[in-house]
Amino acid sequence: MTTIDALHAEWLKNPDYVEAYEGLEDEFPLAAAIIEARAKAGLTQEQVAERMHTTQTVIARLESGRSKPSTRTLERFAKATGAKLKISFETPRKSA
């Protein structure tokens, strides 16, 4: 049986895979923050969806990182989970 780590290591040899993988790098922290907010609120995806007047599938998509939510959607999610939305810009560090 092949492990995910082994597959990932093999796929990293493919420049197209590396480009696509690195393109998702910025989306992972957002998805993790969305999941964390829901978990801290003690809510299921379905409960958040109900509070946002949407479907559980939409919440699952947000948590997967497969979609880029609008600021309005993030505001609605924050309200539904009792969280505060904070958006910031960071300047990348320069290599020494």
N, C-alpha and C. Protein backbone atom coordinates (compact mmCIF):
# COMPACT_ATOMS: atom_id res chain seq x y z
N MET A 1 0.84 -1.17 0.00
CA MET A 1 0.00 0.00 0.00
C MET A 1 0.89 1.25 0.00
N THR A 2 0.56 2.21 -0.83
CA THR A 2 1.31 3.45 -0.94
C THR A 2 0.73 4.49 0.01
N THR A 3 1.61 5.23 0.69
CA THR A 3 1.14 6.26 1.61
C THR A 3 0.99 7.59 0.87
N ILE A 4 0.22 8.48 1.46
CA ILE A 4 0.04 9.82 0.89
C ILE A 4 1.39 10.54 0.81
N ASP A 5 2.19 10.41 1.86
CA ASP A 5 3.50 11.07 1.86
C ASP A 5 4.38 10.57 0.72
N ALA A 6 4.33 9.27 0.45
CA ALA A 6 5.13 8.71 -0.65
C ALA A 6 4.63 9.23 -2.00
N LEU A 7 3.33 9.28 -2.16
CA LEU A 7 2.76 9.82 -3.40
C LEU A 7 3.14 11.29 -3.58
N HIS A 8 3.01 12.04 -2.49
CA HIS A 8 3.34 13.47 -2.55
C HIS A 8 4.81 13.65 -2.94
N ALA A 9 5.69 12.88 -2.34
CA ALA A 9 7.13 12.97 -2.66
C ALA A 9 7.37 12.66 -4.14
N GLU A 10 6.66 11.68 -4.66
CA GLU A 10 6.81 11.32 -6.07
C GLU A 10 6.27 12.43 -6.97
N TRP A 11 5.11 12.95 -6.61
CA TRP A 11 4.48 14.01 -7.42
C TRP A 11 5.31 15.29 -7.42
N LEU A 12 6.06 15.53 -6.35
CA LEU A 12 6.89 16.74 -6.28
C LEU A 12 7.99 16.75 -7.34
N LYS A 13 8.21 15.65 -7.99
CA LYS A 13 9.18 15.58 -9.09
C LYS A 13 8.60 16.18 -10.37
N ASN A 14 7.30 16.40 -10.38
CA ASN A 14 6.61 16.94 -11.55
C ASN A 14 6.45 18.45 -11.39
N PRO A 15 7.08 19.26 -12.25
CA PRO A 15 7.00 20.72 -12.12
C PRO A 15 5.57 21.26 -12.16
N ASP A 16 4.69 20.64 -12.93
CA ASP A 16 3.29 21.09 -12.99
C ASP A 16 2.60 20.90 -11.64
N TYR A 17 2.89 19.78 -11.00
CA TYR A 17 2.32 19.50 -9.68
C TYR A 17 2.84 20.51 -8.67
N VAL A 18 4.14 20.76 -8.69
CA VAL A 18 4.75 21.71 -7.76
C VAL A 18 4.11 23.09 -7.92
N GLU A 19 3.93 23.52 -9.15
CA GLU A 19 3.32 24.83 -9.41
C GLU A 19 1.90 24.90 -8.86
N ALA A 20 1.12 23.85 -9.11
CA ALA A 20 -0.27 23.82 -8.63
C ALA A 20 -0.30 23.76 -7.10
N TYR A 21 0.56 22.96 -6.52
CA TYR A 21 0.62 22.80 -5.07
C TYR A 21 1.00 24.12 -4.39
N GLU A 22 2.00 24.78 -4.92
CA GLU A 22 2.44 26.06 -4.35
C GLU A 22 1.39 27.14 -4.55
N GLY A 23 0.60 27.02 -5.60
CA GLY A 23 -0.48 27.97 -5.83
C GLY A 23 -1.57 27.90 -4.77
N LEU A 24 -1.67 26.77 -4.09
CA LEU A 24 -2.67 26.60 -3.03
C LEU A 24 -2.15 27.01 -1.66
N GLU A 25 -0.87 27.29 -1.56
CA GLU A 25 -0.23 27.57 -0.28
C GLU A 25 -0.95 28.64 0.53
N ASP A 26 -1.42 29.70 -0.11
CA ASP A 26 -2.10 30.78 0.60
C ASP A 26 -3.51 30.40 1.03
N GLU A 27 -4.09 29.39 0.43
CA GLU A 27 -5.46 29.01 0.75
C GLU A 27 -5.55 28.11 1.98
N PHE A 28 -4.50 27.37 2.28
CA PHE A 28 -4.52 26.47 3.42
C PHE A 28 -4.74 27.19 4.75
N PRO A 29 -4.05 28.30 5.02
CA PRO A 29 -4.29 28.98 6.30
C PRO A 29 -5.72 29.49 6.45
N LEU A 30 -6.32 29.95 5.36
CA LEU A 30 -7.71 30.42 5.42
C LEU A 30 -8.64 29.27 5.73
N ALA A 31 -8.48 28.15 5.06
CA ALA A 31 -9.32 26.98 5.33
C ALA A 31 -9.16 26.53 6.77
N ALA A 32 -7.92 26.52 7.26
CA ALA A 32 -7.67 26.10 8.65
C ALA A 32 -8.34 27.07 9.63
N ALA A 33 -8.30 28.37 9.35
CA ALA A 33 -8.93 29.36 10.21
C ALA A 33 -10.44 29.19 10.23
N ILE A 34 -11.01 28.88 9.09
CA ILE A 34 -12.46 28.66 9.00
C ILE A 34 -12.87 27.44 9.83
N ILE A 35 -12.11 26.38 9.68
CA ILE A 35 -12.40 25.15 10.45
C ILE A 35 -12.25 25.42 11.94
N GLU A 36 -11.19 26.14 12.31
CA GLU A 36 -10.95 26.45 13.72
C GLU A 36 -12.07 27.29 14.32
N ALA A 37 -12.54 28.28 13.57
CA ALA A 37 -13.63 29.13 14.07
C ALA A 37 -14.89 28.31 14.33
N ARG A 38 -15.21 27.42 13.40
CA ARG A 38 -16.40 26.59 13.57
C ARG A 38 -16.24 25.65 14.77
N ALA A 39 -15.04 25.05 14.89
CA ALA A 39 -14.79 24.13 16.00
C ALA A 39 -14.86 24.85 17.35
N LYS A 40 -14.27 26.04 17.43
CA LYS A 40 -14.32 26.81 18.68
C LYS A 40 -15.75 27.17 19.06
N ALA A 41 -16.59 27.38 18.05
CA ALA A 41 -18.00 27.70 18.30
C ALA A 41 -18.79 26.46 18.67
N GLY A 42 -18.19 25.29 18.48
CA GLY A 42 -18.88 24.04 18.81
C GLY A 42 -20.04 23.74 17.88
N LEU A 43 -19.90 24.16 16.62
CA LEU A 43 -20.99 23.99 15.65
C LEU A 43 -20.63 22.98 14.57
N THR A 44 -21.65 22.34 14.04
CA THR A 44 -21.46 21.47 12.89
C THR A 44 -21.52 22.33 11.62
N GLN A 45 -21.09 21.76 10.52
CA GLN A 45 -21.20 22.47 9.24
C GLN A 45 -22.66 22.81 8.96
N GLU A 46 -23.53 21.89 9.26
CA GLU A 46 -24.96 22.11 9.02
C GLU A 46 -25.51 23.26 9.86
N GLN A 47 -25.08 23.35 11.10
CA GLN A 47 -25.54 24.44 11.96
C GLN A 47 -25.06 25.80 11.46
N VAL A 48 -23.80 25.85 11.02
CA VAL A 48 -23.27 27.10 10.47
C VAL A 48 -24.03 27.46 9.20
N ALA A 49 -24.27 26.47 8.36
CA ALA A 49 -25.00 26.71 7.11
C ALA A 49 -26.39 27.28 7.40
N GLU A 50 -27.05 26.71 8.39
CA GLU A 50 -28.39 27.20 8.75
C GLU A 50 -28.33 28.66 9.19
N ARG A 51 -27.34 28.99 9.99
CA ARG A 51 -27.19 30.37 10.47
C ARG A 51 -26.85 31.33 9.33
N MET A 52 -26.18 30.82 8.31
CA MET A 52 -25.80 31.66 7.16
C MET A 52 -26.85 31.63 6.06
N HIS A 53 -27.90 30.83 6.24
CA HIS A 53 -28.95 30.67 5.23
C HIS A 53 -28.36 30.13 3.92
N THR A 54 -27.58 29.07 4.07
CA THR A 54 -26.97 28.42 2.92
C THR A 54 -27.01 26.91 3.17
N THR A 55 -26.21 26.16 2.43
CA THR A 55 -26.21 24.71 2.58
C THR A 55 -24.92 24.21 3.22
N GLN A 56 -24.98 23.01 3.74
CA GLN A 56 -23.80 22.38 4.34
C GLN A 56 -22.70 22.21 3.30
N THR A 57 -23.08 21.97 2.06
CA THR A 57 -22.11 21.80 0.98
C THR A 57 -21.27 23.06 0.79
N VAL A 58 -21.89 24.20 0.91
CA VAL A 58 -21.16 25.47 0.79
C VAL A 58 -20.12 25.58 1.91
N ILE A 59 -20.50 25.21 3.11
CA ILE A 59 -19.57 25.27 4.25
C ILE A 59 -18.43 24.28 4.04
N ALA A 60 -18.75 23.11 3.57
CA ALA A 60 -17.70 22.10 3.29
C ALA A 60 -16.72 22.63 2.26
N ARG A 61 -17.22 23.32 1.25
CA ARG A 61 -16.35 23.90 0.23
C ARG A 61 -15.44 24.97 0.82
N LEU A 62 -15.98 25.79 1.70
CA LEU A 62 -15.17 26.82 2.37
C LEU A 62 -14.04 26.17 3.18
N GLU A 63 -14.39 25.11 3.89
CA GLU A 63 -13.41 24.44 4.74
C GLU A 63 -12.38 23.64 3.95
N SER A 64 -12.71 23.28 2.74
CA SER A 64 -11.78 22.50 1.92
C SER A 64 -10.70 23.37 1.29
N GLY A 65 -10.95 24.67 1.22
CA GLY A 65 -10.00 25.55 0.55
C GLY A 65 -10.16 25.56 -0.95
N ARG A 66 -11.19 24.88 -1.45
CA ARG A 66 -11.39 24.79 -2.91
C ARG A 66 -12.05 26.03 -3.49
N SER A 67 -12.51 26.92 -2.63
CA SER A 67 -13.14 28.13 -3.14
C SER A 67 -12.48 29.34 -2.48
N LYS A 68 -12.59 30.45 -3.15
CA LYS A 68 -12.06 31.70 -2.60
C LYS A 68 -13.27 32.55 -2.21
N PRO A 69 -13.59 32.54 -0.92
CA PRO A 69 -14.79 33.25 -0.49
C PRO A 69 -14.63 34.76 -0.56
N SER A 70 -15.74 35.43 -0.78
CA SER A 70 -15.75 36.89 -0.78
C SER A 70 -15.64 37.38 0.66
N THR A 71 -15.32 38.65 0.81
CA THR A 71 -15.27 39.25 2.14
C THR A 71 -16.64 39.16 2.79
N ARG A 72 -17.67 39.37 2.01
CA ARG A 72 -19.04 39.28 2.53
C ARG A 72 -19.33 37.88 3.09
N THR A 73 -18.91 36.85 2.39
CA THR A 73 -19.11 35.48 2.87
C THR A 73 -18.34 35.26 4.16
N LEU A 74 -17.11 35.75 4.23
CA LEU A 74 -16.32 35.60 5.45
C LEU A 74 -16.96 36.36 6.62
N GLU A 75 -17.54 37.51 6.34
CA GLU A 75 -18.25 38.26 7.39
C GLU A 75 -19.45 37.47 7.90
N ARG A 76 -20.19 36.88 6.98
CA ARG A 76 -21.36 36.07 7.36
C ARG A 76 -20.92 34.86 8.18
N PHE A 77 -19.81 34.23 7.77
CA PHE A 77 -19.29 33.06 8.49
C PHE A 77 -18.88 33.47 9.90
N ALA A 78 -18.18 34.60 10.01
CA ALA A 78 -17.75 35.08 11.32
C ALA A 78 -18.96 35.31 12.23
N LYS A 79 -19.96 35.96 11.70
CA LYS A 79 -21.17 36.23 12.50
C LYS A 79 -21.83 34.92 12.92
N ALA A 80 -21.91 33.97 12.01
CA ALA A 80 -22.55 32.68 12.30
C ALA A 80 -21.82 31.89 13.38
N THR A 81 -20.51 32.08 13.47
CA THR A 81 -19.71 31.34 14.45
C THR A 81 -19.37 32.16 15.68
N GLY A 82 -19.83 33.42 15.71
CA GLY A 82 -19.53 34.27 16.86
C GLY A 82 -18.09 34.73 16.89
N ALA A 83 -17.45 34.71 15.74
CA ALA A 83 -16.04 35.13 15.64
C ALA A 83 -15.95 36.54 15.09
N LYS A 84 -14.78 37.11 15.15
CA LYS A 84 -14.52 38.43 14.59
C LYS A 84 -13.60 38.25 13.38
N LEU A 85 -14.01 38.80 12.25
CA LEU A 85 -13.20 38.70 11.04
C LEU A 85 -12.10 39.76 11.09
N LYS A 86 -10.88 39.32 10.86
CA LYS A 86 -9.73 40.23 10.83
C LYS A 86 -8.93 39.90 9.58
N ILE A 87 -8.73 40.89 8.74
CA ILE A 87 -7.97 40.70 7.50
C ILE A 87 -6.71 41.54 7.61
N SER A 88 -5.57 40.98 7.25
CA SER A 88 -4.33 41.73 7.32
C SER A 88 -3.47 41.43 6.10
N PHE A 89 -2.54 42.33 5.86
CA PHE A 89 -1.56 42.15 4.81
C PHE A 89 -0.20 41.97 5.45
N GLU A 90 0.56 41.03 4.92
CA GLU A 90 1.89 40.78 5.45
C GLU A 90 2.90 40.97 4.32
N THR A 91 4.00 41.61 4.65
CA THR A 91 5.08 41.76 3.70
C THR A 91 5.99 40.54 3.83
N PRO A 92 6.26 39.85 2.72
CA PRO A 92 7.14 38.68 2.80
C PRO A 92 8.54 39.08 3.28
N ARG A 93 9.13 38.21 4.05
CA ARG A 93 10.50 38.45 4.50
C ARG A 93 11.46 38.23 3.34
N LYS A 94 12.47 39.05 3.30
CA LYS A 94 13.49 38.90 2.28
C LYS A 94 14.55 37.93 2.77
N SER A 95 15.00 37.07 1.89
CA SER A 95 16.03 36.11 2.25
C SER A 95 17.35 36.84 2.48
N ALA A 96 18.09 36.37 3.45
CA ALA A 96 19.38 37.02 3.76
C ALA A 96 20.47 36.55 2.83
